[in-house]
Protein backbone atom coordinates (compact mmCIF):
# COMPACT_ATOMS: atom_id res chain seq x y z
CA MET A 1 0.11 -0.01 -0.10
CA ILE A 2 3.25 2.19 1.19
CA LYS A 3 4.70 1.22 -2.33
CA LYS A 4 1.90 2.52 -4.29
CA TYR A 5 1.73 6.05 -2.83
CA ALA A 6 4.78 6.29 -3.23
CA ILE A 7 4.55 5.50 -6.94
CA VAL A 8 0.90 7.65 -6.89
CA LEU A 9 3.70 10.60 -5.32
CA ALA A 10 6.50 10.52 -7.85
CA ALA A 11 4.14 10.08 -10.90
CA PHE A 12 2.45 13.47 -9.56
CA MET A 13 5.60 15.27 -8.96
CA PHE A 14 6.99 14.49 -12.15
CA PHE A 15 3.89 15.55 -13.58
CA SER A 16 4.23 18.89 -12.03
CA SER A 17 7.92 18.83 -12.37
CA CYS A 18 6.68 18.78 -16.25
CA VAL A 19 3.60 21.52 -16.01
CA ALA A 20 6.06 23.53 -14.38
CA LYS A 21 8.84 22.96 -16.68
CA LYS A 22 6.32 23.87 -19.34
CA TYR A 23 4.79 27.25 -17.99
CA LEU A 24 8.45 28.58 -17.26
CA GLU A 25 9.10 28.18 -20.70
CA GLN A 26 5.76 29.49 -22.02
CA SER A 27 6.65 32.49 -19.48
CA LYS A 28 9.88 33.15 -20.80
CA LEU A 29 8.42 33.05 -24.19
CA GLU A 30 6.42 35.55 -23.47
CA THR A 31 8.96 37.56 -21.37
CA ALA A 32 11.18 38.10 -24.43
CA GLN A 33 7.94 39.00 -26.77
CA VAL A 34 6.95 41.71 -24.36
CA ARG A 35 10.47 43.19 -24.32
CA ALA A 36 10.96 43.05 -28.01
CA ASP A 37 7.31 44.77 -27.92
CA SER A 38 9.00 47.53 -25.40
CA ALA A 39 11.83 47.92 -27.80
CA LYS A 40 9.62 48.32 -30.84
CA LEU A 41 7.27 50.46 -28.58
CA ALA A 42 10.56 52.62 -27.57
CA ASP A 43 11.90 52.93 -31.22
CA LYS A 44 8.42 54.18 -31.96
CA ASN A 45 8.50 56.51 -29.20
CA SER A 46 12.12 57.80 -29.99
CA SER A 47 11.42 58.51 -33.63
CA LEU A 48 8.00 60.41 -32.85
CA GLU A 49 9.64 62.31 -30.37
CA ALA A 50 12.31 62.74 -33.44
CA ASN A 51 9.67 63.96 -35.42
CA ILE A 52 7.43 66.23 -33.01
CA SER A 53 11.19 68.08 -32.26
CA SER A 54 10.95 68.18 -36.23
CA LEU A 55 8.00 70.11 -36.66
CA ASN A 56 8.18 71.93 -33.78
CA GLY A 57 11.27 73.24 -35.42
CA GLN A 58 9.08 73.84 -38.69
CA ILE A 59 5.79 75.51 -36.68
CA ASP A 60 8.69 78.05 -35.14
CA ASP A 61 10.40 78.68 -38.08
CA LEU A 62 6.67 79.39 -39.90
CA ASN A 63 5.91 81.48 -36.97
CA LYS A 64 8.84 83.55 -37.53
CA LYS A 65 7.91 83.97 -41.24
CA ILE A 66 4.71 84.99 -39.79
CA THR A 67 5.60 87.62 -38.00
CA ASP A 68 8.37 88.83 -40.97
CA LEU A 69 5.54 88.39 -43.28
CA THR A 70 3.26 90.31 -40.83
CA THR A 71 6.21 93.14 -40.35
CA GLN A 72 6.77 93.62 -44.30
CA ILE A 73 2.94 94.06 -44.67
CA ASN A 74 2.83 96.62 -41.95
CA GLN A 75 5.65 98.53 -43.03
CA LEU A 76 4.26 98.29 -46.61
CA GLY A 77 1.24 99.69 -45.26
CA GLU A 78 3.32 102.36 -43.88
CA GLN A 79 5.09 103.61 -46.95
CA THR A 80 2.15 103.18 -48.97
CA SER A 81 0.36 105.50 -46.78
CA GLN A 82 3.29 107.71 -47.16
CA GLN A 83 3.37 107.85 -50.39
CA LYS A 84 -0.49 108.49 -50.55
CA ASN A 85 0.41 111.22 -48.09
CA LYS A 86 3.39 112.85 -50.64
CA LEU A 87 1.08 111.93 -53.55
CA SER A 88 -1.72 114.13 -52.05
CA GLN A 89 0.77 117.04 -50.90
CA SER A 90 2.34 116.99 -54.44
CA GLN A 91 -1.63 117.32 -56.12
CA GLN A 92 -2.10 120.08 -53.87
CA ASP A 93 1.49 121.63 -54.47
CA LEU A 94 0.41 121.01 -58.17
CA GLU A 95 -2.87 122.77 -57.94
CA GLN A 96 -1.68 125.65 -55.54
CA GLN A 97 1.19 126.14 -58.60
CA LYS A 98 -1.55 125.50 -61.30
CA GLN A 99 -3.79 128.15 -59.56
CA LYS A 100 -0.56 131.01 -59.19
CA LEU A 101 0.53 130.52 -62.83
CA GLU A 102 -3.39 131.42 -63.78
CA GLN A 103 -3.03 134.92 -61.53
CA LEU A 104 0.28 135.50 -63.15
CA GLN A 105 -1.20 135.02 -66.17
CA ASN A 106 -3.71 137.52 -65.47
CA LEU A 107 -1.59 140.24 -64.50
CA LEU A 108 0.87 139.79 -67.36
CA ALA A 109 -2.29 140.49 -69.19
CA GLN A 110 -3.74 143.24 -66.97
CA GLN A 111 0.17 144.47 -67.30
CA LYS A 112 -0.15 144.23 -71.16
CA ALA A 113 -3.95 145.73 -71.18
CA ALA A 114 -2.71 148.53 -68.68
CA SER A 115 0.54 149.33 -71.31
CA GLU A 116 -1.71 149.49 -74.26
CA GLU A 117 -3.79 152.18 -72.48
CA LEU A 118 -0.85 153.82 -71.33
CA LYS A 119 0.59 154.16 -74.82
CA SER A 120 -2.79 155.41 -76.44
CA LYS A 121 -2.54 158.42 -73.46
CA MET A 122 0.58 159.02 -74.15
CA ASP A 123 0.32 158.70 -78.46
CA GLU A 124 -2.86 161.21 -77.60
CA ALA A 125 -1.40 163.71 -75.18
CA LEU A 126 1.74 164.05 -77.29
CA LYS A 127 0.44 163.92 -81.02
CA GLY A 128 1.41 167.40 -82.33
CA PHE A 129 5.21 166.76 -81.76
CA SER A 130 6.86 165.58 -85.22
CA SER A 131 8.08 161.56 -85.09
CA SER A 132 11.67 162.60 -85.84
CA ASP A 133 11.63 164.52 -82.54
CA LEU A 134 9.65 161.92 -80.50
CA SER A 135 8.38 158.44 -80.47
CA VAL A 136 6.16 156.37 -78.56
CA GLU A 137 6.63 152.29 -78.50
CA GLN A 138 5.52 149.19 -76.32
CA LYS A 139 7.59 146.60 -75.56
CA ASN A 140 8.04 144.18 -72.92
CA GLY A 141 5.21 145.39 -71.08
CA LYS A 142 6.37 148.74 -71.29
CA VAL A 143 5.99 151.69 -72.92
CA TYR A 144 8.89 153.57 -74.34
CA VAL A 145 8.94 157.47 -74.57
CA SER A 146 12.04 158.50 -76.48
CA LEU A 147 12.59 162.36 -77.12
CA SER A 148 15.37 163.92 -79.36
CA GLU A 149 17.99 166.21 -78.17
CA LYS A 150 16.52 168.63 -80.63
CA LEU A 151 13.32 168.57 -79.28
CA LEU A 152 14.92 169.03 -75.69
CA PHE A 153 18.46 170.44 -75.16
CA PRO A 154 20.34 172.91 -77.31
CA SER A 155 23.66 171.06 -77.73
CA GLY A 156 26.34 170.19 -75.11
CA SER A 157 23.59 171.72 -72.19
CA ALA A 158 21.51 169.80 -69.60
CA VAL A 159 19.07 172.89 -69.90
CA VAL A 160 15.83 172.14 -71.44
CA ASN A 161 14.10 174.22 -73.81
CA PRO A 162 10.87 175.30 -73.89
CA GLN A 163 9.91 173.24 -76.40
CA GLY A 164 10.80 170.39 -74.16
CA VAL A 165 9.51 171.30 -71.38
CA ASP A 166 5.80 171.73 -73.03
CA ALA A 167 6.13 167.86 -74.11
CA LEU A 168 7.14 167.09 -70.08
CA ALA A 169 4.06 169.00 -69.28
CA LYS A 170 1.86 166.69 -70.96
CA LEU A 171 3.79 163.75 -70.43
CA ALA A 172 3.43 164.84 -66.72
CA ALA A 173 -0.87 165.17 -67.11
CA VAL A 174 -0.79 161.79 -68.12
CA LEU A 175 1.77 160.30 -65.44
CA ASN A 176 -0.66 162.16 -62.81
CA LEU A 177 -3.78 160.51 -63.90
CA ASN A 178 -1.83 157.08 -64.05
CA ASN A 179 -0.36 156.89 -60.33
CA ASP A 180 0.74 153.23 -60.71
CA VAL A 181 2.78 153.84 -62.95
CA ALA A 182 7.02 153.77 -62.65
CA VAL A 183 8.83 156.32 -64.62
CA GLU A 184 12.24 155.96 -65.35
CA ILE A 185 14.85 158.69 -67.40
CA GLU A 186 17.53 157.29 -69.33
CA GLY A 187 20.27 159.88 -70.64
CA HIS A 188 21.81 159.01 -73.79
CA THR A 189 24.49 160.64 -76.25
CA ASP A 190 26.51 160.33 -79.14
CA SER A 191 30.13 158.69 -79.12
CA ILE A 192 31.93 162.41 -79.95
CA PRO A 193 33.51 163.53 -76.63
CA ILE A 194 31.97 166.11 -74.95
CA ARG A 195 33.90 169.79 -74.19
CA GLY A 196 33.15 172.37 -71.97
CA ARG A 197 30.98 172.53 -68.64
CA TYR A 198 30.35 168.94 -68.70
CA LYS A 199 33.88 166.49 -68.01
CA ASP A 200 32.35 163.69 -69.99
CA ASN A 201 29.35 162.00 -71.92
CA TRP A 202 28.32 160.36 -68.80
CA ASP A 203 28.72 163.65 -66.73
CA LEU A 204 26.07 165.36 -69.75
CA SER A 205 24.04 162.41 -69.67
CA THR A 206 23.21 161.77 -66.12
CA ALA A 207 22.90 165.97 -65.98
CA ARG A 208 20.12 165.75 -68.97
CA ALA A 209 18.21 162.63 -67.11
CA ASN A 210 18.48 164.66 -63.99
CA SER A 211 17.15 167.96 -65.32
CA ILE A 212 13.83 165.94 -66.74
CA VAL A 213 13.03 164.61 -63.21
CA ARG A 214 13.48 167.97 -61.52
CA ILE A 215 10.94 169.62 -64.22
CA LEU A 216 8.28 166.69 -63.43
CA VAL A 217 8.77 166.63 -60.12
CA ASN A 218 9.32 170.12 -59.26
CA ASN A 219 6.93 171.78 -61.87
CA TYR A 220 4.23 169.23 -62.47
CA LYS A 221 4.49 167.52 -59.12
CA VAL A 222 4.69 164.08 -60.51
CA ASP A 223 5.85 161.85 -57.24
CA PRO A 224 9.17 161.26 -56.59
CA THR A 225 9.34 158.25 -55.15
CA ARG A 226 7.78 156.91 -58.79
CA VAL A 227 11.05 158.55 -60.54
CA ILE A 228 14.50 157.17 -61.25
CA SER A 229 17.01 158.47 -63.43
CA SER A 230 20.53 157.41 -64.83
CA GLY A 231 22.98 158.16 -67.41
CA HIS A 232 24.31 155.92 -69.97
CA SER A 233 27.03 157.72 -71.81
CA PHE A 234 27.13 156.59 -75.59
CA TYR A 235 27.01 153.02 -74.57
CA GLU A 236 23.27 151.95 -75.58
CA PRO A 237 22.83 153.36 -79.16
CA VAL A 238 20.00 153.22 -80.91
CA ALA A 239 22.11 153.57 -84.21
CA ALA A 240 26.05 153.85 -86.02
CA ASN A 241 27.58 156.66 -84.24
CA SER A 242 29.65 156.70 -87.94
CA THR A 243 27.04 158.88 -89.52
CA PRO A 244 25.75 162.16 -88.46
CA GLU A 245 22.21 160.87 -88.58
CA GLY A 246 23.28 158.05 -86.60
CA ARG A 247 24.76 160.14 -83.98
CA ALA A 248 21.43 162.54 -83.82
CA LYS A 249 19.45 159.29 -83.17
CA ASN A 250 21.60 158.50 -80.31
CA ARG A 251 21.66 161.85 -78.53
CA ARG A 252 17.80 161.35 -77.15
CA THR A 253 16.21 160.85 -73.71
CA ASP A 254 14.14 157.54 -73.28
CA ILE A 255 11.37 157.94 -70.82
CA ILE A 256 10.28 154.48 -69.80
CA LEU A 257 6.78 154.04 -68.16
CA SER A 258 6.30 150.80 -66.04
CA PRO A 259 3.18 149.56 -64.56
CA LYS A 260 3.64 148.82 -60.85
CA LEU A 261 4.22 145.09 -60.86
CA ASP A 262 3.82 144.39 -56.94
CA GLU A 263 1.49 142.07 -57.04
CA MET A 264 3.15 140.06 -59.58
CA TYR A 265 6.41 140.21 -57.60
CA LYS A 266 4.54 138.91 -54.42
CA LEU A 267 3.20 135.87 -56.44
CA LEU A 268 6.67 135.06 -58.08
CA ASN A 269 8.38 135.36 -54.46
CA GLY A 270 5.50 132.68 -53.32
CA MET A 271 5.59 130.18 -56.31
């Protein structure tokens, strides 16, 4: 009986040993598989982390590009705004210049009309004098009244003769009715050197211009602030000094009448 139990126990222990060994082998296989799977997961995790890091870098680059583009857009917006402002200012300046140009053209037209009217008045006032002794011309917006030596002065003298005084009286009457006209008196001689009272032709031409100024201002009350006198000697001839006829034309006094241009000068200075 005891022997039978011993056999059964031995058989049980052998069977148990085989089962345990089988489970141990199975466990080892499962453990190895788990470790292999774990290693694969670790590799995948490492790969994913690398991908995530790369994507984060790309995201940072994209964010930087977005920031740069936003800055450029803002700058372009500011530049566009500045350009628009400059364009607007240029258009305003152009419009102002256009208006000033139109005003200047109007003033020039007014000056021309005033000059034409003044010439007409001078023609009428001085029509009784010979054309060889006195001429009235309009040029460059001014009126030129040219009086010969024969009409105004004895030879070599700066004393105005009665016929010359009569001509100046008629001229002064027109000037006193046109207070916006500036008066410039220029004395001219021929090229023959002067002898006698006056040092030279400069002296004579200046003395003659001053004599006419005194008659206009003292005798006929022309406003002295409107009048300028100057002597030009023989340096501005209107004819050749090589002939008696040419020298006679050069011995003259030019009275230049200019409508005042104060408004025009103001306008030009503002352009």
